[in-house]
């Protein structure tokens, strides 16, 4: 699977170039506005204005707001989740599996910069309007296999037993998503700090790899 990307609203074709093009541009605008303002604070009229169509055209393409949200998850969010989980979680090298997940998380957030804010606003928090739609797309079988790989590494290879296999995936998501979603706030206090992908990925990989390999890795002492 190629690196997932989404077109930017207004780039290339205009809404009048055809029905399919207009629908794609509308989805691009909706996901951007939802990430910036939240779904509840974004009106259909604002989405329509961003793509230079009428509200009636939005209803023509999606009929209802719920169907717009369904399409957004199906066509914008679900492929990114699928790409992140494109991993052999039964692989013998658990550390490589974790590092691969982190790398793919950064791939999709770099190509789709709206994702961290949308994830925090509408998916991960209770009451998020995309929460159930999106979380149901996390593949249960691969998530279970990933957990088994971590348990096996803890039991057989000395991976840090203080790390919870049940919490690890969502902890990785938090480490990747939160700094990107809050980058503007960080820059307000540290305008000289680096928040590019290279710096953030190095930071996350350093935290995760150290956390997984110490202090218990190699027979070290676990925390009390």
N, C-alpha and C. Protein backbone atom coordinates (compact mmCIF):
# COMPACT_ATOMS: atom_id res chain seq x y z
N UNK A 1 0.85 -1.20 0.00
CA UNK A 1 0.00 0.00 0.00
C UNK A 1 0.88 1.24 0.00
N UNK A 2 0.62 2.14 -0.89
CA UNK A 2 1.38 3.38 -0.93
C UNK A 2 1.04 4.23 0.28
N UNK A 3 1.94 5.17 0.60
CA UNK A 3 1.69 6.06 1.73
C UNK A 3 0.36 6.76 1.53
N UNK A 4 -0.56 6.64 2.51
CA UNK A 4 -1.88 7.26 2.34
C UNK A 4 -1.77 8.78 2.33
N UNK A 5 -2.46 9.40 1.41
CA UNK A 5 -2.51 10.86 1.36
C UNK A 5 -3.93 11.28 1.04
N UNK A 6 -4.24 12.51 1.34
CA UNK A 6 -5.51 13.07 0.92
C UNK A 6 -5.25 14.36 0.19
N UNK A 7 -6.08 14.66 -0.81
CA UNK A 7 -5.92 15.92 -1.53
C UNK A 7 -6.34 17.08 -0.67
N UNK A 8 -5.73 18.20 -0.86
CA UNK A 8 -6.08 19.40 -0.12
C UNK A 8 -7.23 20.11 -0.82
N UNK A 9 -8.22 20.53 -0.03
CA UNK A 9 -9.38 21.20 -0.61
C UNK A 9 -8.95 22.42 -1.39
N UNK A 10 -9.45 22.53 -2.59
CA UNK A 10 -9.14 23.69 -3.42
C UNK A 10 -7.96 23.47 -4.33
N UNK A 11 -7.19 22.36 -4.12
CA UNK A 11 -6.03 22.13 -4.96
C UNK A 11 -6.45 21.42 -6.23
N UNK A 12 -5.91 21.84 -7.37
CA UNK A 12 -6.22 21.18 -8.63
C UNK A 12 -7.61 21.50 -9.12
N UNK A 13 -8.48 20.49 -9.14
CA UNK A 13 -9.81 20.66 -9.71
C UNK A 13 -10.74 21.45 -8.81
N UNK A 14 -11.62 22.22 -9.39
CA UNK A 14 -12.65 22.94 -8.66
C UNK A 14 -13.89 22.06 -8.51
N UNK A 15 -14.80 22.47 -7.62
CA UNK A 15 -15.98 21.65 -7.37
C UNK A 15 -16.79 21.43 -8.63
N UNK A 16 -16.76 22.37 -9.58
CA UNK A 16 -17.56 22.22 -10.78
C UNK A 16 -16.97 21.28 -11.80
N UNK A 17 -15.83 20.70 -11.56
CA UNK A 17 -15.18 19.83 -12.53
C UNK A 17 -15.89 18.50 -12.69
N UNK A 18 -16.81 18.20 -11.81
CA UNK A 18 -17.54 16.94 -11.92
C UNK A 18 -18.06 16.51 -10.57
N UNK A 19 -19.05 15.64 -10.60
CA UNK A 19 -19.69 15.22 -9.37
C UNK A 19 -18.72 14.53 -8.43
N UNK A 20 -17.91 13.60 -8.94
CA UNK A 20 -16.97 12.88 -8.09
C UNK A 20 -15.93 13.82 -7.50
N UNK A 21 -15.44 14.75 -8.32
CA UNK A 21 -14.44 15.70 -7.84
C UNK A 21 -15.02 16.58 -6.75
N UNK A 22 -16.26 17.03 -6.93
CA UNK A 22 -16.90 17.87 -5.93
C UNK A 22 -17.07 17.14 -4.61
N UNK A 23 -17.43 15.89 -4.69
CA UNK A 23 -17.61 15.11 -3.46
C UNK A 23 -16.29 14.95 -2.73
N UNK A 24 -15.21 14.68 -3.46
CA UNK A 24 -13.89 14.54 -2.85
C UNK A 24 -13.44 15.83 -2.19
N UNK A 25 -13.63 16.94 -2.88
CA UNK A 25 -13.24 18.23 -2.32
C UNK A 25 -14.04 18.54 -1.05
N UNK A 26 -15.31 18.16 -1.06
CA UNK A 26 -16.14 18.41 0.11
C UNK A 26 -15.66 17.60 1.30
N UNK A 27 -15.31 16.34 1.09
CA UNK A 27 -14.78 15.53 2.17
C UNK A 27 -13.47 16.10 2.70
N UNK A 28 -12.61 16.57 1.80
CA UNK A 28 -11.35 17.19 2.22
C UNK A 28 -11.60 18.41 3.09
N UNK A 29 -12.56 19.24 2.68
CA UNK A 29 -12.88 20.44 3.45
C UNK A 29 -13.49 20.07 4.80
N UNK A 30 -14.37 19.09 4.81
CA UNK A 30 -15.03 18.69 6.05
C UNK A 30 -14.01 18.18 7.07
N UNK A 31 -13.11 17.34 6.64
CA UNK A 31 -12.15 16.77 7.59
C UNK A 31 -11.22 17.85 8.12
N UNK A 32 -10.87 18.81 7.28
CA UNK A 32 -10.00 19.91 7.73
C UNK A 32 -10.72 20.80 8.74
N UNK A 33 -11.97 21.16 8.44
CA UNK A 33 -12.73 22.01 9.35
C UNK A 33 -13.05 21.29 10.66
N UNK A 34 -13.37 20.02 10.59
CA UNK A 34 -13.65 19.25 11.80
C UNK A 34 -12.42 19.20 12.71
N UNK A 35 -11.24 19.05 12.09
CA UNK A 35 -10.01 19.01 12.87
C UNK A 35 -9.71 20.35 13.52
N UNK A 36 -10.01 21.44 12.81
CA UNK A 36 -9.71 22.77 13.32
C UNK A 36 -10.71 23.24 14.37
N UNK A 37 -12.01 22.94 14.18
CA UNK A 37 -13.06 23.52 15.01
C UNK A 37 -13.84 22.51 15.84
N UNK A 38 -13.79 21.26 15.44
CA UNK A 38 -14.66 20.26 16.03
C UNK A 38 -15.92 20.09 15.20
N UNK A 39 -16.48 18.90 15.22
CA UNK A 39 -17.65 18.62 14.39
C UNK A 39 -18.85 19.44 14.84
N UNK A 40 -19.07 19.50 16.14
CA UNK A 40 -20.26 20.19 16.66
C UNK A 40 -20.22 21.69 16.35
N UNK A 41 -19.03 22.25 16.16
CA UNK A 41 -18.90 23.69 15.90
C UNK A 41 -18.80 24.02 14.42
N UNK A 42 -18.96 23.03 13.56
CA UNK A 42 -18.86 23.25 12.12
C UNK A 42 -20.21 23.00 11.47
N UNK A 43 -20.71 23.97 10.73
CA UNK A 43 -22.01 23.83 10.08
C UNK A 43 -21.86 23.29 8.66
N UNK A 44 -22.96 22.74 8.16
CA UNK A 44 -22.98 22.29 6.77
C UNK A 44 -22.72 23.47 5.84
N UNK A 45 -23.25 24.63 6.19
CA UNK A 45 -23.05 25.82 5.35
C UNK A 45 -21.57 26.19 5.26
N UNK A 46 -20.84 26.03 6.35
CA UNK A 46 -19.40 26.34 6.34
C UNK A 46 -18.62 25.34 5.48
N UNK A 47 -19.01 24.10 5.54
CA UNK A 47 -18.36 23.09 4.69
C UNK A 47 -18.65 23.39 3.23
N UNK A 48 -19.89 23.73 2.93
CA UNK A 48 -20.27 24.07 1.56
C UNK A 48 -19.49 25.27 1.06
N UNK A 49 -19.39 26.31 1.89
CA UNK A 49 -18.69 27.53 1.48
C UNK A 49 -17.22 27.25 1.19
N UNK A 50 -16.62 26.33 1.96
CA UNK A 50 -15.20 26.01 1.77
C UNK A 50 -14.94 25.34 0.43
N UNK A 51 -15.97 24.73 -0.15
CA UNK A 51 -15.81 24.07 -1.45
C UNK A 51 -16.59 24.78 -2.55
N UNK A 52 -17.11 25.96 -2.23
CA UNK A 52 -17.78 26.80 -3.23
C UNK A 52 -19.00 26.12 -3.83
N UNK A 53 -19.76 25.41 -2.96
CA UNK A 53 -21.03 24.83 -3.39
C UNK A 53 -22.10 25.28 -2.40
N UNK A 54 -23.34 24.94 -2.68
CA UNK A 54 -24.44 25.28 -1.77
C UNK A 54 -24.65 24.17 -0.76
N UNK A 55 -25.33 24.50 0.34
CA UNK A 55 -25.67 23.48 1.33
C UNK A 55 -26.54 22.39 0.72
N UNK A 56 -27.33 22.75 -0.26
CA UNK A 56 -28.18 21.76 -0.93
C UNK A 56 -27.34 20.69 -1.61
N UNK A 57 -26.17 21.09 -2.15
CA UNK A 57 -25.29 20.13 -2.80
C UNK A 57 -24.67 19.18 -1.78
N UNK A 58 -24.39 19.67 -0.59
CA UNK A 58 -23.88 18.79 0.47
C UNK A 58 -24.92 17.71 0.78
N UNK A 59 -26.16 18.11 0.89
CA UNK A 59 -27.23 17.15 1.16
C UNK A 59 -27.45 16.22 -0.04
N UNK A 60 -27.22 16.72 -1.22
CA UNK A 60 -27.35 15.89 -2.42
C UNK A 60 -26.31 14.76 -2.38
N UNK A 61 -25.08 15.09 -2.02
CA UNK A 61 -24.02 14.08 -2.01
C UNK A 61 -24.11 13.14 -0.82
N UNK A 62 -24.54 13.64 0.35
CA UNK A 62 -24.47 12.81 1.56
C UNK A 62 -25.81 12.63 2.27
N UNK A 63 -26.85 13.33 1.85
CA UNK A 63 -28.20 13.21 2.40
C UNK A 63 -28.31 13.72 3.84
N UNK A 64 -27.52 13.14 4.76
CA UNK A 64 -27.61 13.55 6.17
C UNK A 64 -26.21 13.78 6.72
N UNK A 65 -26.15 14.47 7.86
CA UNK A 65 -24.87 14.72 8.52
C UNK A 65 -24.23 13.40 8.96
N UNK A 66 -25.04 12.46 9.45
CA UNK A 66 -24.50 11.16 9.85
C UNK A 66 -23.85 10.43 8.68
N UNK A 67 -24.46 10.53 7.51
CA UNK A 67 -23.87 9.86 6.35
C UNK A 67 -22.58 10.54 5.91
N UNK A 68 -22.48 11.84 6.12
CA UNK A 68 -21.22 12.54 5.86
C UNK A 68 -20.14 12.01 6.80
N UNK A 69 -20.46 11.85 8.08
CA UNK A 69 -19.49 11.34 9.04
C UNK A 69 -19.11 9.89 8.72
N UNK A 70 -20.09 9.10 8.30
CA UNK A 70 -19.78 7.72 7.89
C UNK A 70 -18.79 7.70 6.73
N UNK A 71 -19.04 8.55 5.75
CA UNK A 71 -18.16 8.60 4.58
C UNK A 71 -16.78 9.09 4.95
N UNK A 72 -16.72 10.06 5.84
CA UNK A 72 -15.43 10.60 6.26
C UNK A 72 -14.57 9.51 6.91
N UNK A 73 -15.18 8.72 7.79
CA UNK A 73 -14.42 7.65 8.43
C UNK A 73 -14.05 6.57 7.42
N UNK A 74 -15.02 6.18 6.59
CA UNK A 74 -14.79 5.12 5.61
C UNK A 74 -13.70 5.48 4.61
N UNK A 75 -13.71 6.71 4.14
CA UNK A 75 -12.84 7.09 3.03
C UNK A 75 -11.60 7.87 3.42
N UNK A 76 -11.57 8.44 4.64
CA UNK A 76 -10.42 9.22 5.05
C UNK A 76 -9.68 8.61 6.24
N UNK A 77 -10.41 8.16 7.25
CA UNK A 77 -9.77 7.68 8.48
C UNK A 77 -9.43 6.20 8.41
N UNK A 78 -10.37 5.37 7.97
CA UNK A 78 -10.16 3.92 7.96
C UNK A 78 -8.94 3.48 7.16
N UNK A 79 -8.67 4.07 5.96
CA UNK A 79 -7.47 3.66 5.24
C UNK A 79 -6.18 3.96 6.00
N UNK A 80 -6.18 5.01 6.81
CA UNK A 80 -5.00 5.35 7.59
C UNK A 80 -4.79 4.36 8.73
N UNK A 81 -5.88 3.96 9.38
CA UNK A 81 -5.79 2.93 10.42
C UNK A 81 -5.28 1.63 9.82
N UNK A 82 -5.80 1.29 8.65
CA UNK A 82 -5.37 0.06 7.96
C UNK A 82 -3.88 0.12 7.66
N UNK A 83 -3.40 1.28 7.23
CA UNK A 83 -1.98 1.41 6.91
C UNK A 83 -1.12 1.28 8.17
N UNK A 84 -1.54 1.89 9.26
CA UNK A 84 -0.79 1.78 10.51
C UNK A 84 -0.67 0.32 10.94
N UNK A 85 -1.74 -0.44 10.76
CA UNK A 85 -1.75 -1.83 11.21
C UNK A 85 -1.24 -2.79 10.14
N UNK A 86 -0.65 -2.28 9.10
CA UNK A 86 -0.05 -3.15 8.08
C UNK A 86 1.25 -3.71 8.64
N UNK A 87 1.11 -4.68 9.53
CA UNK A 87 2.26 -5.17 10.28
C UNK A 87 2.04 -6.64 10.62
N UNK A 88 3.12 -7.39 10.59
CA UNK A 88 3.06 -8.78 11.02
C UNK A 88 3.31 -8.81 12.53
N UNK A 89 2.23 -8.70 13.30
CA UNK A 89 2.37 -8.61 14.75
C UNK A 89 2.84 -9.92 15.38
N UNK A 90 2.85 -11.00 14.59
CA UNK A 90 3.37 -12.26 15.10
C UNK A 90 4.87 -12.39 14.81
N UNK A 91 5.48 -11.33 14.25
CA UNK A 91 6.90 -11.37 13.94
C UNK A 91 7.70 -11.64 15.21
N UNK A 92 8.85 -12.26 15.04
CA UNK A 92 9.65 -12.66 16.19
C UNK A 92 10.25 -11.45 16.89
N UNK A 93 10.53 -10.39 16.17
CA UNK A 93 11.18 -9.21 16.74
C UNK A 93 10.12 -8.22 17.20
N UNK A 94 9.77 -8.25 18.48
CA UNK A 94 8.72 -7.38 19.00
C UNK A 94 9.12 -5.91 18.93
N UNK A 95 10.39 -5.62 19.16
CA UNK A 95 10.84 -4.23 19.10
C UNK A 95 10.70 -3.67 17.69
N UNK A 96 11.02 -4.48 16.69
CA UNK A 96 10.86 -4.04 15.30
C UNK A 96 9.40 -3.81 14.97
N UNK A 97 8.52 -4.64 15.53
CA UNK A 97 7.09 -4.46 15.32
C UNK A 97 6.62 -3.13 15.89
N UNK A 98 7.06 -2.81 17.11
CA UNK A 98 6.69 -1.54 17.74
C UNK A 98 7.23 -0.37 16.94
N UNK A 99 8.48 -0.47 16.54
CA UNK A 99 9.09 0.64 15.79
C UNK A 99 8.39 0.84 14.45
N UNK A 100 7.97 -0.26 13.82
CA UNK A 100 7.23 -0.15 12.57
C UNK A 100 5.90 0.54 12.75
N UNK A 101 5.19 0.25 13.85
CA UNK A 101 3.93 0.93 14.13
C UNK A 101 4.15 2.43 14.29
N UNK A 102 5.18 2.80 15.04
CA UNK A 102 5.47 4.22 15.26
C UNK A 102 5.80 4.90 13.94
N UNK A 103 6.62 4.26 13.11
CA UNK A 103 6.99 4.86 11.83
C UNK A 103 5.78 5.08 10.95
N UNK A 104 4.85 4.11 10.93
CA UNK A 104 3.66 4.27 10.09
C UNK A 104 2.71 5.34 10.66
N UNK A 105 2.66 5.46 11.97
CA UNK A 105 1.87 6.55 12.56
C UNK A 105 2.39 7.90 12.10
N UNK A 106 3.70 8.05 12.05
CA UNK A 106 4.28 9.31 11.59
C UNK A 106 4.08 9.49 10.08
N UNK A 107 4.09 8.41 9.34
CA UNK A 107 3.83 8.51 7.90
C UNK A 107 2.45 9.10 7.64
N UNK A 108 1.44 8.56 8.32
CA UNK A 108 0.08 9.02 8.02
C UNK A 108 -0.18 10.42 8.56
N UNK A 109 0.45 10.79 9.69
CA UNK A 109 0.23 12.14 10.21
C UNK A 109 0.98 13.18 9.39
N UNK A 110 2.12 12.79 8.84
CA UNK A 110 2.83 13.74 7.97
C UNK A 110 2.06 13.98 6.68
N UNK A 111 1.47 12.93 6.11
CA UNK A 111 0.72 13.05 4.87
C UNK A 111 -0.67 13.65 5.09
N UNK A 112 -1.17 13.54 6.30
CA UNK A 112 -2.53 14.01 6.63
C UNK A 112 -2.45 14.82 7.93
N UNK A 113 -1.98 16.05 7.87
CA UNK A 113 -1.72 16.83 9.10
C UNK A 113 -2.96 17.14 9.92
N UNK A 114 -4.16 16.93 9.36
CA UNK A 114 -5.39 17.13 10.12
C UNK A 114 -5.64 16.01 11.12
N UNK A 115 -4.99 14.85 10.95
CA UNK A 115 -5.33 13.66 11.73
C UNK A 115 -5.11 13.81 13.24
N UNK A 116 -3.96 14.33 13.71
CA UNK A 116 -3.78 14.41 15.17
C UNK A 116 -4.87 15.19 15.87
N UNK A 117 -5.24 16.37 15.35
CA UNK A 117 -6.28 17.16 15.99
C UNK A 117 -7.63 16.46 15.93
N UNK A 118 -7.95 15.88 14.78
CA UNK A 118 -9.22 15.17 14.65
C UNK A 118 -9.26 13.99 15.61
N UNK A 119 -8.15 13.28 15.72
CA UNK A 119 -8.09 12.11 16.60
C UNK A 119 -8.37 12.51 18.04
N UNK A 120 -7.74 13.58 18.49
CA UNK A 120 -7.92 14.00 19.88
C UNK A 120 -9.31 14.60 20.12
N UNK A 121 -9.82 15.36 19.15
CA UNK A 121 -11.12 16.00 19.32
C UNK A 121 -12.28 15.03 19.24
N UNK A 122 -12.24 14.16 18.24
CA UNK A 122 -13.45 13.43 17.88
C UNK A 122 -13.36 11.91 17.98
N UNK A 123 -12.18 11.38 18.25
CA UNK A 123 -12.04 9.92 18.25
C UNK A 123 -11.65 9.39 19.63
N UNK A 124 -10.60 9.93 20.21
CA UNK A 124 -10.07 9.31 21.42
C UNK A 124 -10.84 9.72 22.67
N UNK A 125 -11.39 10.92 22.71
CA UNK A 125 -12.06 11.35 23.93
C UNK A 125 -13.51 10.87 23.97
N UNK A 126 -14.00 10.65 25.18
CA UNK A 126 -15.39 10.25 25.36
C UNK A 126 -16.30 11.34 24.79
N UNK A 127 -17.33 10.92 24.08
CA UNK A 127 -18.25 11.87 23.48
C UNK A 127 -17.85 12.35 22.11
N UNK A 128 -16.66 11.95 21.64
CA UNK A 128 -16.24 12.32 20.29
C UNK A 128 -17.19 11.74 19.26
N UNK A 129 -17.56 12.55 18.28
CA UNK A 129 -18.60 12.12 17.34
C UNK A 129 -18.12 11.10 16.32
N UNK A 130 -16.81 10.85 16.27
CA UNK A 130 -16.29 9.80 15.39
C UNK A 130 -15.76 8.60 16.19
N UNK A 131 -15.91 8.65 17.49
CA UNK A 131 -15.26 7.66 18.35
C UNK A 131 -15.62 6.23 17.99
N UNK A 132 -16.89 5.89 18.03
CA UNK A 132 -17.29 4.51 17.77
C UNK A 132 -17.03 4.13 16.32
N UNK A 133 -17.27 5.05 15.41
CA UNK A 133 -17.05 4.76 14.00
C UNK A 133 -15.59 4.40 13.73
N UNK A 134 -14.67 5.17 14.33
CA UNK A 134 -13.25 4.98 14.04
C UNK A 134 -12.63 3.83 14.83
N UNK A 135 -12.92 3.75 16.13
CA UNK A 135 -12.30 2.72 16.95
C UNK A 135 -12.73 1.32 16.52
N UNK A 136 -13.92 1.22 15.93
CA UNK A 136 -14.37 -0.10 15.45
C UNK A 136 -13.54 -0.56 14.26
N UNK A 137 -12.76 0.35 13.66
CA UNK A 137 -11.93 -0.02 12.51
C UNK A 137 -10.57 -0.56 12.91
N UNK A 138 -10.21 -0.48 14.18
CA UNK A 138 -8.94 -1.07 14.63
C UNK A 138 -9.09 -2.58 14.55
N UNK A 139 -8.25 -3.26 13.76
CA UNK A 139 -8.43 -4.70 13.55
C UNK A 139 -8.16 -5.51 14.81
N UNK A 140 -9.19 -6.16 15.33
CA UNK A 140 -9.10 -6.89 16.58
C UNK A 140 -8.05 -7.99 16.52
N UNK A 141 -8.00 -8.72 15.41
CA UNK A 141 -7.08 -9.84 15.31
C UNK A 141 -5.63 -9.36 15.36
N UNK A 142 -5.33 -8.27 14.64
CA UNK A 142 -3.96 -7.78 14.63
C UNK A 142 -3.59 -7.14 15.96
N UNK A 143 -4.55 -6.49 16.59
CA UNK A 143 -4.30 -5.91 17.91
C UNK A 143 -4.02 -7.01 18.93
N UNK A 144 -4.78 -8.11 18.86
CA UNK A 144 -4.55 -9.24 19.76
C UNK A 144 -3.20 -9.88 19.50
N UNK A 145 -2.84 -10.02 18.23
CA UNK A 145 -1.54 -10.60 17.89
C UNK A 145 -0.40 -9.72 18.37
N UNK A 146 -0.59 -8.40 18.28
CA UNK A 146 0.42 -7.47 18.77
C UNK A 146 0.60 -7.64 20.27
N UNK A 147 -0.50 -7.75 20.99
CA UNK A 147 -0.42 -7.95 22.44
C UNK A 147 0.32 -9.24 22.76
N UNK A 148 0.03 -10.31 22.02
CA UNK A 148 0.71 -11.58 22.26
C UNK A 148 2.21 -11.46 22.02
N UNK A 149 2.58 -10.70 20.99
CA UNK A 149 4.00 -10.52 20.68
C UNK A 149 4.72 -9.82 21.83
N UNK A 150 4.07 -8.83 22.45
CA UNK A 150 4.67 -8.12 23.57
C UNK A 150 4.77 -9.04 24.79
N UNK A 151 3.70 -9.78 25.08
CA UNK A 151 3.72 -10.72 26.20
C UNK A 151 4.83 -11.74 26.02
N UNK A 152 4.98 -12.26 24.82
CA UNK A 152 6.03 -13.25 24.56
C UNK A 152 7.42 -12.65 24.77
N UNK A 153 7.61 -11.41 24.31
CA UNK A 153 8.91 -10.75 24.48
C UNK A 153 9.20 -10.50 25.96
N UNK A 154 8.19 -10.17 26.72
CA UNK A 154 8.39 -9.98 28.16
C UNK A 154 8.74 -11.29 28.84
N UNK A 155 8.10 -12.36 28.43
CA UNK A 155 8.30 -13.66 29.06
C UNK A 155 9.61 -14.32 28.64
N UNK A 156 9.94 -14.20 27.36
CA UNK A 156 11.06 -14.97 26.82
C UNK A 156 12.32 -14.15 26.56
N UNK A 157 12.18 -12.83 26.38
CA UNK A 157 13.33 -12.03 25.97
C UNK A 157 13.70 -10.95 26.97
N UNK A 158 12.96 -10.86 28.06
CA UNK A 158 13.30 -9.87 29.07
C UNK A 158 12.82 -8.48 28.80
N UNK A 159 11.85 -8.30 27.88
CA UNK A 159 11.30 -6.97 27.66
C UNK A 159 10.69 -6.47 28.97
N UNK A 160 10.77 -5.18 29.19
CA UNK A 160 10.33 -4.55 30.43
C UNK A 160 8.91 -5.00 30.82
N UNK A 161 8.79 -5.70 31.94
CA UNK A 161 7.50 -6.22 32.37
C UNK A 161 6.61 -5.16 33.00
N UNK A 162 7.16 -3.95 33.24
CA UNK A 162 6.33 -2.86 33.76
C UNK A 162 5.42 -2.27 32.68
N UNK A 163 5.73 -2.53 31.42
CA UNK A 163 4.92 -2.03 30.30
C UNK A 163 3.69 -2.92 30.14
N UNK A 164 2.52 -2.31 30.08
CA UNK A 164 1.28 -3.07 29.91
C UNK A 164 1.04 -3.37 28.43
N UNK A 165 0.98 -4.64 28.05
CA UNK A 165 0.67 -4.98 26.66
C UNK A 165 -0.69 -4.44 26.21
N UNK A 166 -1.62 -4.30 27.16
CA UNK A 166 -2.96 -3.82 26.82
C UNK A 166 -2.98 -2.32 26.54
N UNK A 167 -2.06 -1.58 27.13
CA UNK A 167 -2.04 -0.12 26.98
C UNK A 167 -1.04 0.37 25.95
N UNK A 168 -0.15 -0.50 25.50
CA UNK A 168 0.98 -0.04 24.70
C UNK A 168 0.56 0.63 23.41
N UNK A 169 -0.37 0.05 22.65
CA UNK A 169 -0.73 0.64 21.36
C UNK A 169 -1.29 2.04 21.53
N UNK A 170 -2.22 2.22 22.47
CA UNK A 170 -2.80 3.56 22.65
C UNK A 170 -1.80 4.53 23.27
N UNK A 171 -0.83 4.01 24.01
CA UNK A 171 0.24 4.87 24.49
C UNK A 171 1.09 5.38 23.33
N UNK A 172 1.36 4.51 22.38
CA UNK A 172 2.11 4.92 21.19
C UNK A 172 1.35 5.99 20.42
N UNK A 173 0.04 5.77 20.24
CA UNK A 173 -0.79 6.77 19.56
C UNK A 173 -0.73 8.12 20.26
N UNK A 174 -0.81 8.09 21.59
CA UNK A 174 -0.77 9.34 22.34
C UNK A 174 0.55 10.07 22.16
N UNK A 175 1.66 9.32 22.19
CA UNK A 175 2.98 9.93 22.02
C UNK A 175 3.14 10.57 20.65
N UNK A 176 2.51 9.97 19.64
CA UNK A 176 2.62 10.51 18.27
C UNK A 176 1.64 11.65 18.05
N UNK A 177 0.40 11.47 18.49
CA UNK A 177 -0.66 12.42 18.16
C UNK A 177 -0.61 13.71 18.99
N UNK A 178 -0.43 13.57 20.29
CA UNK A 178 -0.55 14.74 21.16
C UNK A 178 0.45 15.85 20.84
N UNK A 179 1.75 15.55 20.69
CA UNK A 179 2.68 16.65 20.37
C UNK A 179 2.35 17.36 19.07
N UNK A 180 1.83 16.62 18.07
CA UNK A 180 1.50 17.25 16.80
C UNK A 180 0.23 18.09 16.91
N UNK A 181 -0.75 17.58 17.67
CA UNK A 181 -1.99 18.33 17.83
C UNK A 181 -1.79 19.60 18.64
N UNK A 182 -0.79 19.59 19.53
CA UNK A 182 -0.56 20.74 20.41
C UNK A 182 0.69 21.53 20.03
N UNK A 183 1.19 21.34 18.82
CA UNK A 183 2.44 21.99 18.41
C UNK A 183 2.36 23.51 18.48
N UNK A 184 1.22 24.08 18.12
CA UNK A 184 1.09 25.54 18.16
C UNK A 184 1.24 26.06 19.58
N UNK A 185 0.69 25.33 20.53
CA UNK A 185 0.82 25.73 21.92
C UNK A 185 2.26 25.66 22.39
N UNK A 186 2.97 24.59 21.97
CA UNK A 186 4.37 24.47 22.35
C UNK A 186 5.19 25.63 21.78
N UNK A 187 4.92 25.98 20.54
CA UNK A 187 5.69 27.04 19.89
C UNK A 187 5.46 28.40 20.56
N UNK A 188 4.32 28.55 21.18
CA UNK A 188 4.04 29.81 21.87
C UNK A 188 5.04 30.05 23.00
N UNK A 189 5.45 28.96 23.67
CA UNK A 189 6.39 29.08 24.78
C UNK A 189 7.82 28.80 24.36
N UNK A 190 7.98 27.99 23.32
CA UNK A 190 9.32 27.67 22.83
C UNK A 190 9.36 27.82 21.32
N UNK A 191 9.39 29.06 20.82
CA UNK A 191 9.35 29.27 19.37
C UNK A 191 10.55 28.69 18.63
N UNK A 192 11.62 28.44 19.35
CA UNK A 192 12.82 27.91 18.71
C UNK A 192 12.87 26.38 18.73
N UNK A 193 11.89 25.73 19.37
CA UNK A 193 11.91 24.27 19.48
C UNK A 193 11.56 23.62 18.15
N UNK A 194 12.13 22.45 17.90
CA UNK A 194 11.89 21.73 16.65
C UNK A 194 10.70 20.79 16.81
N UNK A 195 9.70 20.96 15.95
CA UNK A 195 8.53 20.09 15.98
C UNK A 195 8.31 19.43 14.63
N UNK A 196 9.36 19.30 13.83
CA UNK A 196 9.23 18.61 12.56
C UNK A 196 9.17 17.11 12.81
N UNK A 197 8.84 16.37 11.75
CA UNK A 197 8.66 14.93 11.92
C UNK A 197 9.93 14.25 12.42
N UNK A 198 11.09 14.64 11.89
CA UNK A 198 12.34 13.99 12.28
C UNK A 198 12.59 14.12 13.77
N UNK A 199 12.42 15.34 14.30
CA UNK A 199 12.66 15.57 15.72
C UNK A 199 11.64 14.82 16.58
N UNK A 200 10.37 14.87 16.20
CA UNK A 200 9.33 14.20 16.98
C UNK A 200 9.50 12.69 16.95
N UNK A 201 9.81 12.16 15.78
CA UNK A 201 9.96 10.71 15.68
C UNK A 201 11.16 10.23 16.49
N UNK A 202 12.25 10.97 16.44
CA UNK A 202 13.42 10.61 17.25
C UNK A 202 13.07 10.61 18.73
N UNK A 203 12.31 11.62 19.15
CA UNK A 203 11.90 11.73 20.55
C UNK A 203 11.03 10.54 20.96
N UNK A 204 10.02 10.22 20.15
CA UNK A 204 9.11 9.13 20.50
C UNK A 204 9.83 7.79 20.49
N UNK A 205 10.65 7.54 19.47
CA UNK A 205 11.38 6.28 19.40
C UNK A 205 12.31 6.14 20.59
N UNK A 206 12.97 7.24 20.97
CA UNK A 206 13.86 7.19 22.13
C UNK A 206 13.12 6.83 23.41
N UNK A 207 11.97 7.47 23.63
CA UNK A 207 11.17 7.16 24.82
C UNK A 207 10.70 5.71 24.81
N UNK A 208 10.17 5.29 23.68
CA UNK A 208 9.56 3.95 23.60
C UNK A 208 10.62 2.86 23.70
N UNK A 209 11.70 2.99 22.94
CA UNK A 209 12.71 1.94 22.95
C UNK A 209 13.36 1.81 24.33
N UNK A 210 13.62 2.95 24.97
CA UNK A 210 14.20 2.88 26.32
C UNK A 210 13.19 2.28 27.30
N UNK A 211 11.94 2.68 27.16
CA UNK A 211 10.92 2.16 28.07
C UNK A 211 10.71 0.66 27.93
N UNK A 212 10.86 0.14 26.72
CA UNK A 212 10.64 -1.29 26.50
C UNK A 212 11.85 -2.13 26.89
N UNK A 213 13.03 -1.55 26.82
CA UNK A 213 14.24 -2.34 27.06
C UNK A 213 14.84 -2.14 28.45
N UNK A 214 14.37 -1.20 29.23
CA UNK A 214 14.91 -1.01 30.58
C UNK A 214 13.80 -0.54 31.50
N UNK A 215 13.92 -0.80 32.80
CA UNK A 215 15.05 -1.42 33.46
C UNK A 215 15.04 -2.95 33.44
N UNK A 216 13.90 -3.55 33.02
CA UNK A 216 13.77 -5.00 33.17
C UNK A 216 14.47 -5.78 32.06
N UNK A 217 14.76 -5.14 30.93
CA UNK A 217 15.36 -5.85 29.80
C UNK A 217 16.68 -6.48 30.21
N UNK A 218 16.86 -7.77 29.87
CA UNK A 218 18.11 -8.43 30.20
C UNK A 218 18.22 -8.82 31.65
N UNK A 219 17.09 -8.96 32.34
CA UNK A 219 17.13 -9.42 33.71
C UNK A 219 17.22 -8.32 34.73
N UNK A 220 16.99 -7.06 34.33
CA UNK A 220 17.06 -5.96 35.28
C UNK A 220 15.89 -5.98 36.26
N UNK A 221 15.92 -5.09 37.24
CA UNK A 221 14.91 -5.08 38.29
C UNK A 221 13.67 -4.32 37.83
N UNK A 222 12.50 -4.87 38.06
CA UNK A 222 11.24 -4.21 37.75
C UNK A 222 10.93 -3.18 38.82
N UNK A 223 10.09 -2.19 38.47
CA UNK A 223 9.66 -1.22 39.46
C UNK A 223 8.82 -1.88 40.54
N UNK A 224 8.86 -1.36 41.78
CA UNK A 224 8.03 -1.95 42.84
C UNK A 224 6.56 -1.69 42.59
